[in-house]
N, C-alpha and C. Protein backbone atom coordinates (compact mmCIF):
# COMPACT_ATOMS: atom_id res chain seq x y z
N UNK A 1 -0.76 -1.10 23.60
CA UNK A 1 0.19 -0.38 22.74
C UNK A 1 -0.56 0.17 21.53
N UNK A 2 -0.36 1.45 21.25
CA UNK A 2 -0.96 2.04 20.06
C UNK A 2 -0.25 1.53 18.82
N UNK A 3 -1.03 1.22 17.82
CA UNK A 3 -0.43 0.76 16.56
C UNK A 3 0.12 1.95 15.80
N UNK A 4 1.24 1.72 15.12
CA UNK A 4 1.81 2.73 14.22
C UNK A 4 0.97 2.70 12.95
N UNK A 5 0.97 3.83 12.24
CA UNK A 5 0.16 3.94 11.03
C UNK A 5 1.04 4.21 9.82
N UNK A 6 0.83 3.41 8.77
CA UNK A 6 1.58 3.58 7.53
C UNK A 6 0.60 3.81 6.38
N UNK A 7 0.99 4.72 5.49
CA UNK A 7 0.22 4.97 4.28
C UNK A 7 1.03 4.46 3.10
N UNK A 8 0.41 3.59 2.30
CA UNK A 8 1.04 3.11 1.08
C UNK A 8 0.46 3.94 -0.06
N UNK A 9 1.32 4.66 -0.74
CA UNK A 9 0.89 5.61 -1.76
C UNK A 9 1.32 5.15 -3.15
N UNK A 10 0.38 5.17 -4.07
CA UNK A 10 0.64 4.78 -5.46
C UNK A 10 -0.06 5.81 -6.35
N UNK A 11 0.01 5.62 -7.64
CA UNK A 11 -0.67 6.55 -8.52
C UNK A 11 -2.16 6.25 -8.57
N UNK A 12 -2.53 5.01 -8.95
CA UNK A 12 -3.93 4.68 -9.16
C UNK A 12 -4.66 4.09 -7.97
N UNK A 13 -3.92 3.60 -6.97
CA UNK A 13 -4.50 2.95 -5.80
C UNK A 13 -5.51 1.88 -6.21
N UNK A 14 -5.07 1.02 -7.15
CA UNK A 14 -5.96 -0.05 -7.60
C UNK A 14 -5.31 -1.42 -7.48
N UNK A 15 -3.99 -1.46 -7.32
CA UNK A 15 -3.31 -2.76 -7.36
C UNK A 15 -2.19 -2.87 -6.32
N UNK A 16 -1.02 -2.31 -6.61
CA UNK A 16 0.15 -2.48 -5.73
C UNK A 16 -0.08 -1.95 -4.33
N UNK A 17 -0.62 -0.75 -4.21
CA UNK A 17 -0.82 -0.16 -2.88
C UNK A 17 -1.88 -0.92 -2.09
N UNK A 18 -2.91 -1.40 -2.76
CA UNK A 18 -3.94 -2.20 -2.08
C UNK A 18 -3.34 -3.53 -1.62
N UNK A 19 -2.51 -4.15 -2.47
CA UNK A 19 -1.87 -5.42 -2.09
C UNK A 19 -0.96 -5.21 -0.88
N UNK A 20 -0.21 -4.10 -0.89
CA UNK A 20 0.69 -3.81 0.23
C UNK A 20 -0.11 -3.55 1.51
N UNK A 21 -1.20 -2.79 1.39
CA UNK A 21 -2.06 -2.51 2.55
C UNK A 21 -2.58 -3.82 3.15
N UNK A 22 -3.07 -4.71 2.30
CA UNK A 22 -3.62 -5.99 2.77
C UNK A 22 -2.54 -6.86 3.41
N UNK A 23 -1.37 -6.93 2.79
CA UNK A 23 -0.28 -7.74 3.35
C UNK A 23 0.19 -7.22 4.70
N UNK A 24 0.37 -5.93 4.82
CA UNK A 24 0.82 -5.34 6.09
C UNK A 24 -0.21 -5.60 7.18
N UNK A 25 -1.48 -5.35 6.87
CA UNK A 25 -2.52 -5.57 7.88
C UNK A 25 -2.61 -7.05 8.28
N UNK A 26 -2.40 -7.95 7.33
CA UNK A 26 -2.48 -9.38 7.61
C UNK A 26 -1.26 -9.90 8.38
N UNK A 27 -0.06 -9.44 7.99
CA UNK A 27 1.17 -10.01 8.55
C UNK A 27 1.75 -9.20 9.72
N UNK A 28 1.50 -7.89 9.74
CA UNK A 28 2.09 -7.03 10.77
C UNK A 28 1.03 -6.29 11.57
N UNK A 29 -0.21 -6.76 11.50
CA UNK A 29 -1.34 -6.08 12.12
C UNK A 29 -1.27 -5.95 13.63
N UNK A 30 -0.39 -6.70 14.27
CA UNK A 30 -0.27 -6.57 15.73
C UNK A 30 0.38 -5.25 16.14
N UNK A 31 1.19 -4.66 15.25
CA UNK A 31 1.84 -3.40 15.62
C UNK A 31 1.64 -2.27 14.60
N UNK A 32 1.07 -2.58 13.43
CA UNK A 32 0.91 -1.57 12.38
C UNK A 32 -0.51 -1.62 11.81
N UNK A 33 -1.04 -0.44 11.53
CA UNK A 33 -2.29 -0.34 10.78
C UNK A 33 -1.96 0.33 9.45
N UNK A 34 -2.23 -0.37 8.37
CA UNK A 34 -1.89 0.14 7.04
C UNK A 34 -3.11 0.72 6.34
N UNK A 35 -2.85 1.74 5.53
CA UNK A 35 -3.85 2.39 4.70
C UNK A 35 -3.22 2.58 3.33
N UNK A 36 -4.04 2.77 2.31
CA UNK A 36 -3.49 3.05 0.98
C UNK A 36 -4.27 4.18 0.34
N UNK A 37 -3.62 4.81 -0.63
CA UNK A 37 -4.24 5.92 -1.34
C UNK A 37 -3.53 6.10 -2.67
N UNK A 38 -4.16 6.88 -3.55
CA UNK A 38 -3.56 7.16 -4.85
C UNK A 38 -3.47 8.64 -5.11
N UNK A 39 -2.40 9.04 -5.78
CA UNK A 39 -2.23 10.44 -6.16
C UNK A 39 -3.32 10.80 -7.17
N UNK A 40 -3.58 9.87 -8.10
CA UNK A 40 -4.69 10.03 -9.07
C UNK A 40 -5.47 8.72 -9.03
N UNK A 41 -6.17 8.49 -7.95
CA UNK A 41 -6.84 7.20 -7.73
C UNK A 41 -7.81 6.86 -8.86
N UNK A 42 -7.79 5.59 -9.23
CA UNK A 42 -8.63 5.10 -10.33
C UNK A 42 -10.10 4.97 -9.91
N UNK A 43 -10.33 4.84 -8.60
CA UNK A 43 -11.69 4.68 -8.12
C UNK A 43 -12.16 3.24 -8.04
N UNK A 44 -11.33 2.31 -8.52
CA UNK A 44 -11.72 0.90 -8.42
C UNK A 44 -10.50 0.03 -8.19
N UNK A 45 -10.73 -1.08 -7.49
CA UNK A 45 -9.65 -2.05 -7.22
C UNK A 45 -9.53 -2.97 -8.42
N UNK A 46 -8.30 -3.21 -8.85
CA UNK A 46 -8.03 -4.14 -9.94
C UNK A 46 -8.61 -5.52 -9.59
N UNK A 47 -9.42 -6.07 -10.48
CA UNK A 47 -10.11 -7.35 -10.22
C UNK A 47 -9.13 -8.50 -9.97
N UNK A 48 -8.02 -8.54 -10.71
CA UNK A 48 -7.04 -9.61 -10.52
C UNK A 48 -6.36 -9.50 -9.16
N UNK A 49 -6.08 -8.27 -8.73
CA UNK A 49 -5.48 -8.05 -7.41
C UNK A 49 -6.45 -8.48 -6.32
N UNK A 50 -7.70 -8.09 -6.46
CA UNK A 50 -8.73 -8.44 -5.47
C UNK A 50 -8.90 -9.96 -5.39
N UNK A 51 -8.98 -10.61 -6.54
CA UNK A 51 -9.13 -12.06 -6.58
C UNK A 51 -7.96 -12.76 -5.89
N UNK A 52 -6.75 -12.28 -6.13
CA UNK A 52 -5.56 -12.86 -5.51
C UNK A 52 -5.59 -12.67 -3.99
N UNK A 53 -5.95 -11.48 -3.53
CA UNK A 53 -6.02 -11.22 -2.10
C UNK A 53 -7.11 -12.07 -1.43
N UNK A 54 -8.20 -12.30 -2.14
CA UNK A 54 -9.25 -13.18 -1.61
C UNK A 54 -8.73 -14.61 -1.50
N UNK A 55 -8.00 -15.04 -2.53
CA UNK A 55 -7.44 -16.39 -2.54
C UNK A 55 -6.44 -16.57 -1.39
N UNK A 56 -5.71 -15.50 -1.09
CA UNK A 56 -4.71 -15.53 -0.02
C UNK A 56 -5.37 -15.42 1.36
N UNK A 57 -6.66 -15.08 1.39
CA UNK A 57 -7.38 -14.94 2.65
C UNK A 57 -7.10 -13.65 3.38
N UNK A 58 -6.64 -12.61 2.65
CA UNK A 58 -6.29 -11.35 3.32
C UNK A 58 -7.09 -10.16 2.78
N UNK A 59 -8.10 -10.42 1.97
CA UNK A 59 -8.96 -9.34 1.46
C UNK A 59 -9.93 -8.89 2.55
N UNK A 60 -10.15 -7.59 2.62
CA UNK A 60 -11.18 -7.02 3.50
C UNK A 60 -12.09 -6.16 2.63
N UNK A 61 -13.38 -6.22 2.92
CA UNK A 61 -14.33 -5.46 2.11
C UNK A 61 -14.13 -3.94 2.19
N UNK A 62 -13.46 -3.48 3.24
CA UNK A 62 -13.25 -2.02 3.34
C UNK A 62 -12.13 -1.52 2.42
N UNK A 63 -11.35 -2.42 1.81
CA UNK A 63 -10.31 -1.96 0.89
C UNK A 63 -10.96 -1.39 -0.36
N UNK A 64 -10.58 -0.16 -0.70
CA UNK A 64 -11.09 0.46 -1.91
C UNK A 64 -10.11 1.53 -2.38
N UNK A 65 -10.25 1.91 -3.62
CA UNK A 65 -9.39 2.92 -4.23
C UNK A 65 -9.85 4.30 -3.78
N UNK A 66 -8.91 5.08 -3.22
CA UNK A 66 -9.28 6.43 -2.76
C UNK A 66 -8.16 7.43 -3.06
N UNK A 67 -8.56 8.68 -3.19
CA UNK A 67 -7.59 9.72 -3.51
C UNK A 67 -6.90 10.23 -2.24
N UNK A 68 -5.78 10.84 -2.45
CA UNK A 68 -4.93 11.32 -1.35
C UNK A 68 -5.66 12.32 -0.46
N UNK A 69 -6.59 13.10 -1.02
CA UNK A 69 -7.29 14.09 -0.21
C UNK A 69 -8.14 13.45 0.89
N UNK A 70 -8.45 12.15 0.75
CA UNK A 70 -9.24 11.45 1.78
C UNK A 70 -8.40 11.14 3.03
N UNK A 71 -7.07 11.15 2.87
CA UNK A 71 -6.20 10.76 3.99
C UNK A 71 -5.13 11.78 4.34
N UNK A 72 -5.04 12.87 3.58
CA UNK A 72 -3.94 13.82 3.74
C UNK A 72 -3.85 14.41 5.15
N UNK A 73 -4.96 14.55 5.83
CA UNK A 73 -4.94 15.13 7.17
C UNK A 73 -4.89 14.09 8.29
N UNK A 74 -4.80 12.82 7.92
CA UNK A 74 -4.68 11.74 8.90
C UNK A 74 -3.23 11.70 9.42
N UNK A 75 -3.05 11.31 10.68
CA UNK A 75 -1.68 11.19 11.19
C UNK A 75 -1.06 9.85 10.76
N UNK A 76 0.11 9.91 10.17
CA UNK A 76 0.84 8.69 9.78
C UNK A 76 2.25 8.74 10.37
N UNK A 77 2.77 7.57 10.67
CA UNK A 77 4.15 7.46 11.16
C UNK A 77 5.13 7.26 10.02
N UNK A 78 4.59 6.79 8.88
CA UNK A 78 5.43 6.49 7.72
C UNK A 78 4.58 6.54 6.47
N UNK A 79 5.15 7.07 5.37
CA UNK A 79 4.52 7.02 4.06
C UNK A 79 5.47 6.26 3.14
N UNK A 80 4.94 5.27 2.42
CA UNK A 80 5.75 4.50 1.48
C UNK A 80 5.16 4.65 0.09
N UNK A 81 5.97 5.13 -0.84
CA UNK A 81 5.53 5.18 -2.24
C UNK A 81 5.99 3.89 -2.90
N UNK A 82 5.10 3.30 -3.72
CA UNK A 82 5.42 2.01 -4.33
C UNK A 82 5.50 2.07 -5.85
N UNK A 83 5.32 3.27 -6.42
CA UNK A 83 5.54 3.42 -7.86
C UNK A 83 6.25 4.74 -8.10
N UNK A 84 7.03 4.79 -9.16
CA UNK A 84 7.88 5.95 -9.39
C UNK A 84 7.11 7.24 -9.57
N UNK A 85 5.97 7.20 -10.26
CA UNK A 85 5.25 8.46 -10.47
C UNK A 85 4.65 8.99 -9.17
N UNK A 86 4.26 8.11 -8.25
CA UNK A 86 3.76 8.57 -6.95
C UNK A 86 4.89 9.21 -6.15
N UNK A 87 6.09 8.65 -6.28
CA UNK A 87 7.24 9.21 -5.58
C UNK A 87 7.49 10.64 -6.05
N UNK A 88 7.40 10.84 -7.36
CA UNK A 88 7.66 12.16 -7.92
C UNK A 88 6.56 13.16 -7.59
N UNK A 89 5.33 12.68 -7.46
CA UNK A 89 4.23 13.62 -7.20
C UNK A 89 3.67 13.48 -5.79
N UNK A 90 4.45 12.89 -4.90
CA UNK A 90 4.00 12.70 -3.51
C UNK A 90 3.79 14.07 -2.87
N UNK A 91 2.59 14.30 -2.38
CA UNK A 91 2.31 15.62 -1.79
C UNK A 91 3.01 15.79 -0.44
N UNK A 92 3.11 17.02 -0.01
CA UNK A 92 3.63 17.29 1.32
C UNK A 92 2.50 17.05 2.31
N UNK A 93 2.79 16.35 3.37
CA UNK A 93 1.78 16.10 4.39
C UNK A 93 1.83 17.23 5.42
N UNK A 94 0.67 17.58 5.99
CA UNK A 94 0.61 18.67 6.96
C UNK A 94 1.61 18.51 8.11
N UNK A 95 1.77 17.28 8.57
CA UNK A 95 2.75 17.01 9.61
C UNK A 95 3.93 16.31 8.97
N UNK A 96 5.13 16.72 9.34
CA UNK A 96 6.32 16.09 8.78
C UNK A 96 6.27 14.59 9.06
N UNK A 97 6.41 13.80 8.04
CA UNK A 97 6.36 12.35 8.19
C UNK A 97 7.45 11.75 7.31
N UNK A 98 8.09 10.73 7.83
CA UNK A 98 9.14 10.06 7.07
C UNK A 98 8.52 9.40 5.84
N UNK A 99 9.12 9.62 4.69
CA UNK A 99 8.65 9.02 3.44
C UNK A 99 9.79 8.21 2.83
N UNK A 100 9.47 6.97 2.45
CA UNK A 100 10.46 6.13 1.78
C UNK A 100 9.85 5.61 0.48
N UNK A 101 10.71 5.20 -0.44
CA UNK A 101 10.24 4.67 -1.72
C UNK A 101 10.77 3.25 -1.91
N UNK A 102 9.85 2.35 -2.20
CA UNK A 102 10.21 0.98 -2.58
C UNK A 102 9.33 0.66 -3.78
N UNK A 103 9.90 0.75 -4.97
CA UNK A 103 9.11 0.62 -6.20
C UNK A 103 8.87 -0.81 -6.64
N UNK A 104 7.70 -1.02 -7.22
CA UNK A 104 7.33 -2.31 -7.79
C UNK A 104 6.69 -2.06 -9.15
N UNK A 105 7.01 -2.93 -10.10
CA UNK A 105 6.42 -2.82 -11.44
C UNK A 105 4.92 -3.11 -11.36
N UNK A 106 4.15 -2.38 -12.12
CA UNK A 106 2.69 -2.54 -12.12
C UNK A 106 2.30 -3.78 -12.92
N UNK A 107 1.62 -4.75 -12.29
CA UNK A 107 1.21 -5.94 -13.04
C UNK A 107 -0.08 -5.75 -13.84
N UNK A 108 -0.72 -4.59 -13.71
CA UNK A 108 -2.00 -4.35 -14.39
C UNK A 108 -1.89 -4.61 -15.89
N UNK A 109 -2.88 -5.35 -16.39
CA UNK A 109 -2.90 -5.67 -17.82
C UNK A 109 -2.03 -6.85 -18.21
N UNK A 110 -1.33 -7.44 -17.24
CA UNK A 110 -0.45 -8.58 -17.53
C UNK A 110 -1.12 -9.87 -17.07
N UNK A 111 -0.44 -10.98 -17.31
CA UNK A 111 -0.97 -12.28 -16.91
C UNK A 111 -1.12 -12.36 -15.39
N UNK A 112 -2.05 -13.22 -14.95
CA UNK A 112 -2.34 -13.34 -13.51
C UNK A 112 -1.11 -13.72 -12.70
N UNK A 113 -0.19 -14.49 -13.27
CA UNK A 113 1.00 -14.90 -12.52
C UNK A 113 1.86 -13.68 -12.15
N UNK A 114 1.75 -12.59 -12.90
CA UNK A 114 2.50 -11.37 -12.59
C UNK A 114 1.99 -10.72 -11.30
N UNK A 115 0.71 -10.85 -11.03
CA UNK A 115 0.13 -10.32 -9.79
C UNK A 115 0.70 -11.09 -8.60
N UNK A 116 0.76 -12.40 -8.75
CA UNK A 116 1.32 -13.26 -7.70
C UNK A 116 2.79 -12.89 -7.45
N UNK A 117 3.52 -12.67 -8.53
CA UNK A 117 4.94 -12.30 -8.43
C UNK A 117 5.08 -10.96 -7.69
N UNK A 118 4.24 -9.99 -8.03
CA UNK A 118 4.28 -8.68 -7.38
C UNK A 118 3.93 -8.79 -5.91
N UNK A 119 2.91 -9.59 -5.58
CA UNK A 119 2.53 -9.78 -4.19
C UNK A 119 3.68 -10.36 -3.38
N UNK A 120 4.36 -11.36 -3.93
CA UNK A 120 5.49 -11.98 -3.22
C UNK A 120 6.65 -11.00 -3.07
N UNK A 121 6.88 -10.16 -4.09
CA UNK A 121 7.95 -9.14 -4.00
C UNK A 121 7.63 -8.12 -2.91
N UNK A 122 6.38 -7.69 -2.84
CA UNK A 122 5.96 -6.75 -1.80
C UNK A 122 6.19 -7.38 -0.43
N UNK A 123 5.81 -8.64 -0.31
CA UNK A 123 5.98 -9.34 0.96
C UNK A 123 7.45 -9.46 1.35
N UNK A 124 8.30 -9.75 0.37
CA UNK A 124 9.72 -9.96 0.62
C UNK A 124 10.49 -8.65 0.83
N UNK A 125 10.16 -7.62 0.04
CA UNK A 125 10.95 -6.39 0.05
C UNK A 125 10.36 -5.26 0.91
N UNK A 126 9.05 -5.14 0.94
CA UNK A 126 8.42 -4.03 1.65
C UNK A 126 8.17 -4.34 3.12
N UNK A 127 7.61 -5.51 3.40
CA UNK A 127 7.24 -5.83 4.77
C UNK A 127 8.40 -5.75 5.76
N UNK A 128 9.58 -6.30 5.46
CA UNK A 128 10.68 -6.18 6.42
C UNK A 128 11.08 -4.74 6.71
N UNK A 129 11.03 -3.87 5.70
CA UNK A 129 11.40 -2.46 5.87
C UNK A 129 10.38 -1.76 6.76
N UNK A 130 9.09 -1.98 6.49
CA UNK A 130 8.04 -1.37 7.30
C UNK A 130 8.10 -1.88 8.73
N UNK A 131 8.34 -3.17 8.87
CA UNK A 131 8.46 -3.76 10.21
C UNK A 131 9.63 -3.14 10.98
N UNK A 132 10.76 -3.01 10.31
CA UNK A 132 11.95 -2.41 10.91
C UNK A 132 11.69 -0.96 11.33
N UNK A 133 10.99 -0.21 10.50
CA UNK A 133 10.69 1.20 10.77
C UNK A 133 9.71 1.39 11.91
N UNK A 134 8.69 0.50 12.01
CA UNK A 134 7.58 0.79 12.91
C UNK A 134 7.34 -0.20 14.05
N UNK A 135 7.92 -1.37 14.00
CA UNK A 135 7.63 -2.38 15.03
C UNK A 135 8.79 -2.55 16.01
N UNK A 136 9.24 -1.49 16.60
CA UNK A 136 10.37 -1.61 17.53
C UNK A 136 9.89 -1.65 18.97
């Protein structure tokens, strides 16, 4: 069975979208391949997010912050925006693709426990929706 492909889109592609990419690949990897990108990518992964994903055992060395132009021509079955500014500036993809928005507050610059809280929210709120959309 071919895996469905989802793109998690954020503004900076340094924290929330990387966490969502890692969670989807770890928990739903049997039917979905997740990727992430940023509308204005920061070019680096947030250290607290990376540390948390390593602690959770779901970090992969290939995860990195990248701009939308690196993936715009890739085929996706679903695009999910996870921050409000990405939703507003989400580019049009060459092929019509379903886009949904599930927003999460950015934990960047906050205490480490906020990263854990965001990761659990992504797991609770985003994963079931992506699974429902793509794992039928």
